[in-house]
Amino acid sequence: MRPRLFGIRNCDTMKKARAWLETRGIAYDFHDYKTNGIDRQVLESWCAELGWEQLLNRAGTTFRKLDEAARANITAQKAMALMLAQPSMIKRPVLDLGDRRLVGFKPAEYTLAFAG
């Protein structure tokens, strides 16, 4: 399976991840949340695998702009609804390797994932 990179085209962290892959000649498919959104089943499977806590980007501008009530008492259901409504609240990038997903860009993790 060809890796699939999920995120937002203009995000600085996304640019770093894409550059890392491209300089190593690693072909990948890109899924832009801004133009394609995110499928509920995909997001549910990520949450089951990784936990919603790892996926919800609480440090991002979109989350911080929410009113206090929306940011309080986050549950799995509430996190899912927020991320589906505004996919920019999903941490970026999510790299789908087929058998597992990596969240965020850490060069050492990418190196291990593509070793061999």
PDB file of N, CA and C in Angstrom:
ATOM      1  N   MET A   1       0.842  -1.190   0.000  1.00  0.00           N
ATOM      2  CA  MET A   1       0.000   0.000   0.000  1.00  0.00           C
ATOM      3  C   MET A   1       0.882   1.246   0.000  1.00  0.00           C
ATOM      4  N   ARG A   2       0.484   2.193  -0.780  1.00  0.00           N
ATOM      5  CA  ARG A   2       1.182   3.471  -0.836  1.00  0.00           C
ATOM      6  C   ARG A   2       0.778   4.299   0.384  1.00  0.00           C
ATOM      7  N   PRO A   3       1.742   4.889   1.101  1.00  0.00           N
ATOM      8  CA  PRO A   3       1.388   5.705   2.271  1.00  0.00           C
ATOM      9  C   PRO A   3       0.448   6.845   1.888  1.00  0.00           C
ATOM     10  N   ARG A   4      -0.377   7.218   2.841  1.00  0.00           N
ATOM     11  CA  ARG A   4      -1.313   8.324   2.617  1.00  0.00           C
ATOM     12  C   ARG A   4      -1.116   9.340   3.732  1.00  0.00           C
ATOM     13  N   LEU A   5      -0.899  10.582   3.348  1.00  0.00           N
ATOM     14  CA  LEU A   5      -0.651  11.659   4.287  1.00  0.00           C
ATOM     15  C   LEU A   5      -1.898  12.526   4.389  1.00  0.00           C
ATOM     16  N   PHE A   6      -2.413  12.660   5.601  1.00  0.00           N
ATOM     17  CA  PHE A   6      -3.626  13.444   5.848  1.00  0.00           C
ATOM     18  C   PHE A   6      -3.244  14.751   6.536  1.00  0.00           C
ATOM     19  N   GLY A   7      -3.836  15.848   6.095  1.00  0.00           N
ATOM     20  CA  GLY A   7      -3.595  17.126   6.745  1.00  0.00           C
ATOM     21  C   GLY A   7      -4.129  18.285   5.928  1.00  0.00           C
ATOM     22  N   ILE A   8      -3.487  19.426   6.109  1.00  0.00           N
ATOM     23  CA  ILE A   8      -3.863  20.660   5.425  1.00  0.00           C
ATOM     24  C   ILE A   8      -2.643  21.158   4.671  1.00  0.00           C
ATOM     25  N   ARG A   9      -2.810  21.432   3.408  1.00  0.00           N
ATOM     26  CA  ARG A   9      -1.704  21.763   2.515  1.00  0.00           C
ATOM     27  C   ARG A   9      -0.772  22.852   3.057  1.00  0.00           C
ATOM     28  N   ASN A  10      -1.311  23.924   3.597  1.00  0.00           N
ATOM     29  CA  ASN A  10      -0.483  25.065   3.984  1.00  0.00           C
ATOM     30  C   ASN A  10       0.064  25.018   5.406  1.00  0.00           C
ATOM     31  N   CYS A  11      -0.199  23.967   6.133  1.00  0.00           N
ATOM     32  CA  CYS A  11       0.309  23.813   7.501  1.00  0.00           C
ATOM     33  C   CYS A  11       1.833  23.639   7.460  1.00  0.00           C
ATOM     34  N   ASP A  12       2.552  24.361   8.315  1.00  0.00           N
ATOM     35  CA  ASP A  12       4.014  24.282   8.333  1.00  0.00           C
ATOM     36  C   ASP A  12       4.520  22.882   8.657  1.00  0.00           C
ATOM     37  N   THR A  13       3.875  22.205   9.587  1.00  0.00           N
ATOM     38  CA  THR A  13       4.298  20.847   9.937  1.00  0.00           C
ATOM     39  C   THR A  13       4.053  19.905   8.756  1.00  0.00           C
ATOM     40  N   MET A  14       2.967  20.116   8.049  1.00  0.00           N
ATOM     41  CA  MET A  14       2.682  19.317   6.859  1.00  0.00           C
ATOM     42  C   MET A  14       3.769  19.527   5.811  1.00  0.00           C
ATOM     43  N   LYS A  15       4.181  20.764   5.640  1.00  0.00           N
ATOM     44  CA  LYS A  15       5.224  21.056   4.654  1.00  0.00           C
ATOM     45  C   LYS A  15       6.512  20.318   4.997  1.00  0.00           C
ATOM     46  N   LYS A  16       6.840  20.248   6.280  1.00  0.00           N
ATOM     47  CA  LYS A  16       8.047  19.527   6.713  1.00  0.00           C
ATOM     48  C   LYS A  16       7.918  18.035   6.428  1.00  0.00           C
ATOM     49  N   ALA A  17       6.762  17.473   6.722  1.00  0.00           N
ATOM     50  CA  ALA A  17       6.546  16.039   6.489  1.00  0.00           C
ATOM     51  C   ALA A  17       6.597  15.731   4.991  1.00  0.00           C
ATOM     52  N   ARG A  18       5.967  16.553   4.194  1.00  0.00           N
ATOM     53  CA  ARG A  18       5.961  16.333   2.749  1.00  0.00           C
ATOM     54  C   ARG A  18       7.364  16.455   2.183  1.00  0.00           C
ATOM     55  N   ALA A  19       8.117  17.455   2.650  1.00  0.00           N
ATOM     56  CA  ALA A  19       9.498  17.625   2.189  1.00  0.00           C
ATOM     57  C   ALA A  19      10.346  16.417   2.581  1.00  0.00           C
ATOM     58  N   TRP A  20      10.147  15.904   3.804  1.00  0.00           N
ATOM     59  CA  TRP A  20      10.897  14.734   4.264  1.00  0.00           C
ATOM     60  C   TRP A  20      10.646  13.552   3.329  1.00  0.00           C
ATOM     61  N   LEU A  21       9.389  13.293   3.033  1.00  0.00           N
ATOM     62  CA  LEU A  21       9.032  12.178   2.153  1.00  0.00           C
ATOM     63  C   LEU A  21       9.588  12.392   0.742  1.00  0.00           C
ATOM     64  N   GLU A  22       9.425  13.589   0.227  1.00  0.00           N
ATOM     65  CA  GLU A  22       9.841  13.875  -1.146  1.00  0.00           C
ATOM     66  C   GLU A  22      11.356  13.815  -1.322  1.00  0.00           C
ATOM     67  N   THR A  23      12.127  14.315  -0.358  1.00  0.00           N
ATOM     68  CA  THR A  23      13.587  14.278  -0.495  1.00  0.00           C
ATOM     69  C   THR A  23      14.121  12.847  -0.434  1.00  0.00           C
ATOM     70  N   ARG A  24      13.360  11.930   0.099  1.00  0.00           N
ATOM     71  CA  ARG A  24      13.757  10.527   0.166  1.00  0.00           C
ATOM     72  C   ARG A  24      13.129   9.694  -0.946  1.00  0.00           C
ATOM     73  N   GLY A  25      12.416  10.369  -1.835  1.00  0.00           N
ATOM     74  CA  GLY A  25      11.814   9.675  -2.967  1.00  0.00           C
ATOM     75  C   GLY A  25      10.690   8.740  -2.595  1.00  0.00           C
ATOM     76  N   ILE A  26      10.017   9.032  -1.487  1.00  0.00           N
ATOM     77  CA  ILE A  26       8.911   8.179  -1.032  1.00  0.00           C
ATOM     78  C   ILE A  26       7.604   8.704  -1.630  1.00  0.00           C
ATOM     79  N   ALA A  27       7.002   7.895  -2.476  1.00  0.00           N
ATOM     80  CA  ALA A  27       5.725   8.265  -3.093  1.00  0.00           C
ATOM     81  C   ALA A  27       4.613   8.113  -2.064  1.00  0.00           C
ATOM     82  N   TYR A  28       3.682   9.043  -2.081  1.00  0.00           N
ATOM     83  CA  TYR A  28       2.564   9.013  -1.136  1.00  0.00           C
ATOM     84  C   TYR A  28       1.365   9.705  -1.766  1.00  0.00           C
ATOM     85  N   ASP A  29       0.210   9.427  -1.224  1.00  0.00           N
ATOM     86  CA  ASP A  29      -1.009  10.130  -1.613  1.00  0.00           C
ATOM     87  C   ASP A  29      -1.290  11.171  -0.539  1.00  0.00           C
ATOM     88  N   PHE A  30      -1.842  12.298  -0.952  1.00  0.00           N
ATOM     89  CA  PHE A  30      -2.134  13.372  -0.007  1.00  0.00           C
ATOM     90  C   PHE A  30      -3.631  13.602   0.074  1.00  0.00           C
ATOM     91  N   HIS A  31      -4.147  13.654   1.292  1.00  0.00           N
ATOM     92  CA  HIS A  31      -5.565  13.924   1.542  1.00  0.00           C
ATOM     93  C   HIS A  31      -5.653  15.245   2.307  1.00  0.00           C
ATOM     94  N   ASP A  32      -6.201  16.251   1.661  1.00  0.00           N
ATOM     95  CA  ASP A  32      -6.331  17.580   2.265  1.00  0.00           C
ATOM     96  C   ASP A  32      -7.696  17.706   2.936  1.00  0.00           C
ATOM     97  N   TYR A  33      -7.672  17.888   4.261  1.00  0.00           N
ATOM     98  CA  TYR A  33      -8.920  18.033   5.013  1.00  0.00           C
ATOM     99  C   TYR A  33      -9.746  19.222   4.532  1.00  0.00           C
ATOM    100  N   LYS A  34      -9.076  20.284   4.111  1.00  0.00           N
ATOM    101  CA  LYS A  34      -9.798  21.495   3.709  1.00  0.00           C
ATOM    102  C   LYS A  34     -10.665  21.244   2.478  1.00  0.00           C
ATOM    103  N   THR A  35     -10.177  20.437   1.559  1.00  0.00           N
ATOM    104  CA  THR A  35     -10.941  20.195   0.337  1.00  0.00           C
ATOM    105  C   THR A  35     -11.742  18.904   0.374  1.00  0.00           C
ATOM    106  N   ASN A  36     -11.273  17.898   1.140  1.00  0.00           N
ATOM    107  CA  ASN A  36     -11.928  16.585   1.135  1.00  0.00           C
ATOM    108  C   ASN A  36     -12.586  16.188   2.440  1.00  0.00           C
ATOM    109  N   GLY A  37     -12.421  16.977   3.491  1.00  0.00           N
ATOM    110  CA  GLY A  37     -12.988  16.612   4.784  1.00  0.00           C
ATOM    111  C   GLY A  37     -12.379  15.329   5.306  1.00  0.00           C
ATOM    112  N   ILE A  38     -13.070  14.687   6.228  1.00  0.00           N
ATOM    113  CA  ILE A  38     -12.615  13.407   6.782  1.00  0.00           C
ATOM    114  C   ILE A  38     -13.830  12.502   6.942  1.00  0.00           C
ATOM    115  N   ASP A  39     -13.669  11.267   6.587  1.00  0.00           N
ATOM    116  CA  ASP A  39     -14.737  10.283   6.675  1.00  0.00           C
ATOM    117  C   ASP A  39     -14.903   9.823   8.125  1.00  0.00           C
ATOM    118  N   ARG A  40     -16.130   9.736   8.585  1.00  0.00           N
ATOM    119  CA  ARG A  40     -16.408   9.326   9.963  1.00  0.00           C
ATOM    120  C   ARG A  40     -15.769   7.977  10.285  1.00  0.00           C
ATOM    121  N   GLN A  41     -15.909   7.005   9.402  1.00  0.00           N
ATOM    122  CA  GLN A  41     -15.355   5.674   9.672  1.00  0.00           C
ATOM    123  C   GLN A  41     -13.833   5.709   9.808  1.00  0.00           C
ATOM    124  N   VAL A  42     -13.182   6.516   8.995  1.00  0.00           N
ATOM    125  CA  VAL A  42     -11.722   6.659   9.087  1.00  0.00           C
ATOM    126  C   VAL A  42     -11.360   7.253  10.439  1.00  0.00           C
ATOM    127  N   LEU A  43     -12.027   8.337  10.803  1.00  0.00           N
ATOM    128  CA  LEU A  43     -11.729   8.988  12.077  1.00  0.00           C
ATOM    129  C   LEU A  43     -12.025   8.068  13.260  1.00  0.00           C
ATOM    130  N   GLU A  44     -13.122   7.329  13.194  1.00  0.00           N
ATOM    131  CA  GLU A  44     -13.443   6.378  14.267  1.00  0.00           C
ATOM    132  C   GLU A  44     -12.363   5.309  14.404  1.00  0.00           C
ATOM    133  N   SER A  45     -11.862   4.821  13.276  1.00  0.00           N
ATOM    134  CA  SER A  45     -10.811   3.798  13.346  1.00  0.00           C
ATOM    135  C   SER A  45      -9.521   4.376  13.920  1.00  0.00           C
ATOM    136  N   TRP A  46      -9.189   5.609  13.574  1.00  0.00           N
ATOM    137  CA  TRP A  46      -8.010   6.262  14.147  1.00  0.00           C
ATOM    138  C   TRP A  46      -8.169   6.424  15.657  1.00  0.00           C
ATOM    139  N   CYS A  47      -9.350   6.859  16.078  1.00  0.00           N
ATOM    140  CA  CYS A  47      -9.593   7.042  17.518  1.00  0.00           C
ATOM    141  C   CYS A  47      -9.496   5.714  18.259  1.00  0.00           C
ATOM    142  N   ALA A  48     -10.002   4.651  17.657  1.00  0.00           N
ATOM    143  CA  ALA A  48      -9.913   3.329  18.281  1.00  0.00           C
ATOM    144  C   ALA A  48      -8.458   2.884  18.392  1.00  0.00           C
ATOM    145  N   GLU A  49      -7.676   3.168  17.377  1.00  0.00           N
ATOM    146  CA  GLU A  49      -6.265   2.756  17.353  1.00  0.00           C
ATOM    147  C   GLU A  49      -5.379   3.634  18.238  1.00  0.00           C
ATOM    148  N   LEU A  50      -5.564   4.952  18.123  1.00  0.00           N
ATOM    149  CA  LEU A  50      -4.633   5.903  18.733  1.00  0.00           C
ATOM    150  C   LEU A  50      -5.165   6.618  19.964  1.00  0.00           C
ATOM    151  N   GLY A  51      -6.491   6.673  20.089  1.00  0.00           N
ATOM    152  CA  GLY A  51      -7.121   7.451  21.151  1.00  0.00           C
ATOM    153  C   GLY A  51      -7.420   8.862  20.664  1.00  0.00           C
ATOM    154  N   TRP A  52      -8.595   9.338  20.972  1.00  0.00           N
ATOM    155  CA  TRP A  52      -8.991  10.677  20.512  1.00  0.00           C
ATOM    156  C   TRP A  52      -8.088  11.746  21.112  1.00  0.00           C
ATOM    157  N   GLU A  53      -7.538  11.469  22.296  1.00  0.00           N
ATOM    158  CA  GLU A  53      -6.692  12.445  22.975  1.00  0.00           C
ATOM    159  C   GLU A  53      -5.447  12.764  22.155  1.00  0.00           C
ATOM    160  N   GLN A  54      -4.941  11.781  21.433  1.00  0.00           N
ATOM    161  CA  GLN A  54      -3.761  12.003  20.596  1.00  0.00           C
ATOM    162  C   GLN A  54      -4.127  12.722  19.302  1.00  0.00           C
ATOM    163  N   LEU A  55      -5.346  12.583  18.860  1.00  0.00           N
ATOM    164  CA  LEU A  55      -5.758  13.157  17.581  1.00  0.00           C
ATOM    165  C   LEU A  55      -6.290  14.589  17.674  1.00  0.00           C
ATOM    166  N   LEU A  56      -6.919  14.934  18.782  1.00  0.00           N
ATOM    167  CA  LEU A  56      -7.505  16.273  18.912  1.00  0.00           C
ATOM    168  C   LEU A  56      -6.402  17.300  19.155  1.00  0.00           C
ATOM    169  N   ASN A  57      -6.316  18.262  18.266  1.00  0.00           N
ATOM    170  CA  ASN A  57      -5.276  19.290  18.345  1.00  0.00           C
ATOM    171  C   ASN A  57      -5.764  20.450  19.219  1.00  0.00           C
ATOM    172  N   ARG A  58      -5.527  20.324  20.500  1.00  0.00           N
ATOM    173  CA  ARG A  58      -5.958  21.357  21.450  1.00  0.00           C
ATOM    174  C   ARG A  58      -5.103  22.617  21.376  1.00  0.00           C
ATOM    175  N   ALA A  59      -3.907  22.509  20.797  1.00  0.00           N
ATOM    176  CA  ALA A  59      -3.003  23.663  20.710  1.00  0.00           C
ATOM    177  C   ALA A  59      -3.285  24.511  19.479  1.00  0.00           C
ATOM    178  N   GLY A  60      -4.075  24.007  18.558  1.00  0.00           N
ATOM    179  CA  GLY A  60      -4.335  24.718  17.309  1.00  0.00           C
ATOM    180  C   GLY A  60      -5.277  25.891  17.473  1.00  0.00           C
ATOM    181  N   THR A  61      -5.192  26.787  16.515  1.00  0.00           N
ATOM    182  CA  THR A  61      -6.015  28.002  16.509  1.00  0.00           C
ATOM    183  C   THR A  61      -7.504  27.683  16.502  1.00  0.00           C
ATOM    184  N   THR A  62      -7.908  26.697  15.704  1.00  0.00           N
ATOM    185  CA  THR A  62      -9.331  26.372  15.581  1.00  0.00           C
ATOM    186  C   THR A  62      -9.910  25.963  16.927  1.00  0.00           C
ATOM    187  N   PHE A  63      -9.189  25.120  17.662  1.00  0.00           N
ATOM    188  CA  PHE A  63      -9.669  24.680  18.977  1.00  0.00           C
ATOM    189  C   PHE A  63      -9.667  25.844  19.968  1.00  0.00           C
ATOM    190  N   ARG A  64      -8.610  26.636  19.952  1.00  0.00           N
ATOM    191  CA  ARG A  64      -8.502  27.739  20.910  1.00  0.00           C
ATOM    192  C   ARG A  64      -9.559  28.819  20.677  1.00  0.00           C
ATOM    193  N   LYS A  65     -10.089  28.903  19.467  1.00  0.00           N
ATOM    194  CA  LYS A  65     -11.128  29.894  19.173  1.00  0.00           C
ATOM    195  C   LYS A  65     -12.509  29.478  19.686  1.00  0.00           C
ATOM    196  N   LEU A  66     -12.650  28.205  20.063  1.00  0.00           N
ATOM    197  CA  LEU A  66     -13.931  27.748  20.607  1.00  0.00           C
ATOM    198  C   LEU A  66     -14.204  28.454  21.928  1.00  0.00           C
ATOM    199  N   ASP A  67     -15.488  28.623  22.245  1.00  0.00           N
ATOM    200  CA  ASP A  67     -15.805  29.222  23.544  1.00  0.00           C
ATOM    201  C   ASP A  67     -15.485  28.224  24.655  1.00  0.00           C
ATOM    202  N   GLU A  68     -15.417  28.729  25.850  1.00  0.00           N
ATOM    203  CA  GLU A  68     -15.011  27.924  27.011  1.00  0.00           C
ATOM    204  C   GLU A  68     -15.884  26.680  27.182  1.00  0.00           C
ATOM    205  N   ALA A  69     -17.175  26.815  26.975  1.00  0.00           N
ATOM    206  CA  ALA A  69     -18.091  25.684  27.146  1.00  0.00           C
ATOM    207  C   ALA A  69     -17.773  24.563  26.156  1.00  0.00           C
ATOM    208  N   ALA A  70     -17.424  24.923  24.924  1.00  0.00           N
ATOM    209  CA  ALA A  70     -17.112  23.919  23.900  1.00  0.00           C
ATOM    210  C   ALA A  70     -15.792  23.215  24.200  1.00  0.00           C
ATOM    211  N   ARG A  71     -14.864  23.912  24.854  1.00  0.00           N
ATOM    212  CA  ARG A  71     -13.559  23.329  25.176  1.00  0.00           C
ATOM    213  C   ARG A  71     -13.558  22.531  26.475  1.00  0.00           C
ATOM    214  N   ALA A  72     -14.602  22.706  27.277  1.00  0.00           N
ATOM    215  CA  ALA A  72     -14.664  22.047  28.588  1.00  0.00           C
ATOM    216  C   ALA A  72     -15.227  20.637  28.473  1.00  0.00           C
ATOM    217  N   ASN A  73     -14.800  19.786  29.389  1.00  0.00           N
ATOM    218  CA  ASN A  73     -15.347  18.435  29.524  1.00  0.00           C
ATOM    219  C   ASN A  73     -15.401  17.668  28.207  1.00  0.00           C
ATOM    220  N   ILE A  74     -14.273  17.617  27.529  1.00  0.00           N
ATOM    221  CA  ILE A  74     -14.208  16.894  26.256  1.00  0.00           C
ATOM    222  C   ILE A  74     -14.305  15.388  26.528  1.00  0.00           C
ATOM    223  N   THR A  75     -15.197  14.762  25.802  1.00  0.00           N
ATOM    224  CA  THR A  75     -15.354  13.305  25.840  1.00  0.00           C
ATOM    225  C   THR A  75     -15.006  12.775  24.448  1.00  0.00           C
ATOM    226  N   ALA A  76     -14.963  11.465  24.310  1.00  0.00           N
ATOM    227  CA  ALA A  76     -14.683  10.871  23.004  1.00  0.00           C
ATOM    228  C   ALA A  76     -15.722  11.312  21.974  1.00  0.00           C
ATOM    229  N   GLN A  77     -17.002  11.307  22.381  1.00  0.00           N
ATOM    230  CA  GLN A  77     -18.083  11.716  21.471  1.00  0.00           C
ATOM    231  C   GLN A  77     -17.949  13.179  21.061  1.00  0.00           C
ATOM    232  N   LYS A  78     -17.666  14.019  22.029  1.00  0.00           N
ATOM    233  CA  LYS A  78     -17.541  15.452  21.762  1.00  0.00           C
ATOM    234  C   LYS A  78     -16.321  15.716  20.866  1.00  0.00           C
ATOM    235  N   ALA A  79     -15.213  15.042  21.151  1.00  0.00           N
ATOM    236  CA  ALA A  79     -14.005  15.200  20.343  1.00  0.00           C
ATOM    237  C   ALA A  79     -14.273  14.769  18.906  1.00  0.00           C
ATOM    238  N   MET A  80     -14.952  13.659  18.742  1.00  0.00           N
ATOM    239  CA  MET A  80     -15.288  13.163  17.408  1.00  0.00           C
ATOM    240  C   MET A  80     -16.142  14.180  16.655  1.00  0.00           C
ATOM    241  N   ALA A  81     -17.152  14.713  17.304  1.00  0.00           N
ATOM    242  CA  ALA A  81     -18.024  15.702  16.670  1.00  0.00           C
ATOM    243  C   ALA A  81     -17.236  16.948  16.265  1.00  0.00           C
ATOM    244  N   LEU A  82     -16.356  17.411  17.138  1.00  0.00           N
ATOM    245  CA  LEU A  82     -15.536  18.591  16.827  1.00  0.00           C
ATOM    246  C   LEU A  82     -14.644  18.332  15.621  1.00  0.00           C
ATOM    247  N   MET A  83     -13.966  17.181  15.602  1.00  0.00           N
ATOM    248  CA  MET A  83     -13.042  16.877  14.505  1.00  0.00           C
ATOM    249  C   MET A  83     -13.766  16.649  13.181  1.00  0.00           C
ATOM    250  N   LEU A  84     -14.966  16.062  13.233  1.00  0.00           N
ATOM    251  CA  LEU A  84     -15.741  15.877  12.004  1.00  0.00           C
ATOM    252  C   LEU A  84     -16.240  17.213  11.470  1.00  0.00           C
ATOM    253  N   ALA A  85     -16.673  18.086  12.370  1.00  0.00           N
ATOM    254  CA  ALA A  85     -17.193  19.391  11.956  1.00  0.00           C
ATOM    255  C   ALA A  85     -16.085  20.299  11.433  1.00  0.00           C
ATOM    256  N   GLN A  86     -14.912  20.208  12.059  1.00  0.00           N
ATOM    257  CA  GLN A  86     -13.786  21.062  11.679  1.00  0.00           C
ATOM    258  C   GLN A  86     -12.514  20.208  11.667  1.00  0.00           C
ATOM    259  N   PRO A  87     -12.239  19.534  10.553  1.00  0.00           N
ATOM    260  CA  PRO A  87     -11.086  18.631  10.491  1.00  0.00           C
ATOM    261  C   PRO A  87      -9.737  19.296  10.791  1.00  0.00           C
ATOM    262  N   SER A  88      -9.683  20.607  10.756  1.00  0.00           N
ATOM    263  CA  SER A  88      -8.422  21.269  11.121  1.00  0.00           C
ATOM    264  C   SER A  88      -8.116  21.082  12.603  1.00  0.00           C
ATOM    265  N   MET A  89      -9.055  20.535  13.369  1.00  0.00           N
ATOM    266  CA  MET A  89      -8.803  20.217  14.774  1.00  0.00           C
ATOM    267  C   MET A  89      -8.093  18.877  14.945  1.00  0.00           C
ATOM    268  N   ILE A  90      -7.873  18.170  13.843  1.00  0.00           N
ATOM    269  CA  ILE A  90      -7.126  16.910  13.918  1.00  0.00           C
ATOM    270  C   ILE A  90      -5.644  17.248  13.828  1.00  0.00           C
ATOM    271  N   LYS A  91      -4.857  16.689  14.740  1.00  0.00           N
ATOM    272  CA  LYS A  91      -3.415  16.922  14.694  1.00  0.00           C
ATOM    273  C   LYS A  91      -2.887  16.529  13.330  1.00  0.00           C
ATOM    274  N   ARG A  92      -1.858  17.257  12.911  1.00  0.00           N
ATOM    275  CA  ARG A  92      -1.303  17.029  11.587  1.00  0.00           C
ATOM    276  C   ARG A  92       0.199  16.800  11.681  1.00  0.00           C
ATOM    277  N   PRO A  93       0.652  16.041  10.704  1.00  0.00           N
ATOM    278  CA  PRO A  93      -0.072  15.168   9.783  1.00  0.00           C
ATOM    279  C   PRO A  93      -0.443  13.846  10.447  1.00  0.00           C
ATOM    280  N   VAL A  94      -1.327  13.132   9.775  1.00  0.00           N
ATOM    281  CA  VAL A  94      -1.555  11.728  10.100  1.00  0.00           C
ATOM    282  C   VAL A  94      -1.033  10.966   8.883  1.00  0.00           C
ATOM    283  N   LEU A  95      -0.052  10.123   9.116  1.00  0.00           N
ATOM    284  CA  LEU A  95       0.526   9.319   8.049  1.00  0.00           C
ATOM    285  C   LEU A  95      -0.016   7.900   8.177  1.00  0.00           C
ATOM    286  N   ASP A  96      -0.780   7.489   7.182  1.00  0.00           N
ATOM    287  CA  ASP A  96      -1.376   6.157   7.162  1.00  0.00           C
ATOM    288  C   ASP A  96      -0.447   5.228   6.394  1.00  0.00           C
ATOM    289  N   LEU A  97       0.120   4.276   7.119  1.00  0.00           N
ATOM    290  CA  LEU A  97       1.053   3.319   6.520  1.00  0.00           C
ATOM    291  C   LEU A  97       0.376   1.999   6.166  1.00  0.00           C
ATOM    292  N   GLY A  98      -0.921   1.944   6.330  1.00  0.00           N
ATOM    293  CA  GLY A  98      -1.669   0.723   6.042  1.00  0.00           C
ATOM    294  C   GLY A  98      -1.866  -0.116   7.285  1.00  0.00           C
ATOM    295  N   ASP A  99      -0.767  -0.511   7.917  1.00  0.00           N
ATOM    296  CA  ASP A  99      -0.866  -1.348   9.111  1.00  0.00           C
ATOM    297  C   ASP A  99      -0.854  -0.530  10.400  1.00  0.00           C
ATOM    298  N   ARG A 100      -0.513   0.750  10.287  1.00  0.00           N
ATOM    299  CA  ARG A 100      -0.504   1.643  11.456  1.00  0.00           C
ATOM    300  C   ARG A 100      -0.466   3.085  10.991  1.00  0.00           C
ATOM    301  N   ARG A 101      -0.749   3.984  11.932  1.00  0.00           N
ATOM    302  CA  ARG A 101      -0.756   5.408  11.654  1.00  0.00           C
ATOM    303  C   ARG A 101       0.243   6.120  12.573  1.00  0.00           C
ATOM    304  N   LEU A 102       0.862   7.175  12.055  1.00  0.00           N
ATOM    305  CA  LEU A 102       1.726   8.051  12.844  1.00  0.00           C
ATOM    306  C   LEU A 102       1.068   9.418  12.894  1.00  0.00           C
ATOM    307  N   VAL A 103       1.056  10.028  14.077  1.00  0.00           N
ATOM    308  CA  VAL A 103       0.436  11.343  14.240  1.00  0.00           C
ATOM    309  C   VAL A 103       1.529  12.359  14.549  1.00  0.00           C
ATOM    310  N   GLY A 104       1.500  13.468  13.844  1.00  0.00           N
ATOM    311  CA  GLY A 104       2.525  14.490  14.010  1.00  0.00           C
ATOM    312  C   GLY A 104       3.727  14.131  13.157  1.00  0.00           C
ATOM    313  N   PHE A 105       4.649  15.063  13.027  1.00  0.00           N
ATOM    314  CA  PHE A 105       5.857  14.792  12.251  1.00  0.00           C
ATOM    315  C   PHE A 105       7.065  14.780  13.166  1.00  0.00           C
ATOM    316  N   LYS A 106       7.635  13.599  13.289  1.00  0.00           N
ATOM    317  CA  LYS A 106       8.876  13.420  14.038  1.00  0.00           C
ATOM    318  C   LYS A 106       9.815  12.662  13.105  1.00  0.00           C
ATOM    319  N   PRO A 107      10.861  13.323  12.625  1.00  0.00           N
ATOM    320  CA  PRO A 107      11.754  12.677  11.649  1.00  0.00           C
ATOM    321  C   PRO A 107      12.247  11.298  12.079  1.00  0.00           C
ATOM    322  N   ALA A 108      12.559  11.116  13.356  1.00  0.00           N
ATOM    323  CA  ALA A 108      13.058   9.818  13.822  1.00  0.00           C
ATOM    324  C   ALA A 108      11.987   8.728  13.634  1.00  0.00           C
ATOM    325  N   GLU A 109      10.732   9.050  13.888  1.00  0.00           N
ATOM    326  CA  GLU A 109       9.645   8.065  13.700  1.00  0.00           C
ATOM    327  C   GLU A 109       9.474   7.740  12.226  1.00  0.00           C
ATOM    328  N   TYR A 110       9.550   8.742  11.379  1.00  0.00           N
ATOM    329  CA  TYR A 110       9.434   8.506   9.949  1.00  0.00           C
ATOM    330  C   TYR A 110      10.593   7.636   9.459  1.00  0.00           C
ATOM    331  N   THR A 111      11.792   7.911   9.934  1.00  0.00           N
ATOM    332  CA  THR A 111      12.954   7.120   9.552  1.00  0.00           C
ATOM    333  C   THR A 111      12.757   5.653   9.917  1.00  0.00           C
ATOM    334  N   LEU A 112      12.289   5.399  11.135  1.00  0.00           N
ATOM    335  CA  LEU A 112      12.021   4.015  11.553  1.00  0.00           C
ATOM    336  C   LEU A 112      10.923   3.367  10.722  1.00  0.00           C
ATOM    337  N   ALA A 113       9.892   4.135  10.425  1.00  0.00           N
ATOM    338  CA  ALA A 113       8.759   3.584   9.670  1.00  0.00           C
ATOM    339  C   ALA A 113       9.165   3.161   8.258  1.00  0.00           C
ATOM    340  N   PHE A 114      10.130   3.864   7.680  1.00  0.00           N
ATOM    341  CA  PHE A 114      10.529   3.566   6.302  1.00  0.00           C
ATOM    342  C   PHE A 114      11.863   2.838   6.220  1.00  0.00           C
ATOM    343  N   ALA A 115      12.410   2.419   7.347  1.00  0.00           N
ATOM    344  CA  ALA A 115      13.674   1.670   7.346  1.00  0.00           C
ATOM    345  C   ALA A 115      13.474   0.319   6.674  1.00  0.00           C
ATOM    346  N   GLY A 116      14.447  -0.056   5.883  1.00  0.00           N
ATOM    347  CA  GLY A 116      14.373  -1.371   5.239  1.00  0.00           C
ATOM    348  C   GLY A 116      13.641  -1.263   3.970  1.00  0.00           C
TER     349      GLY A 116
END
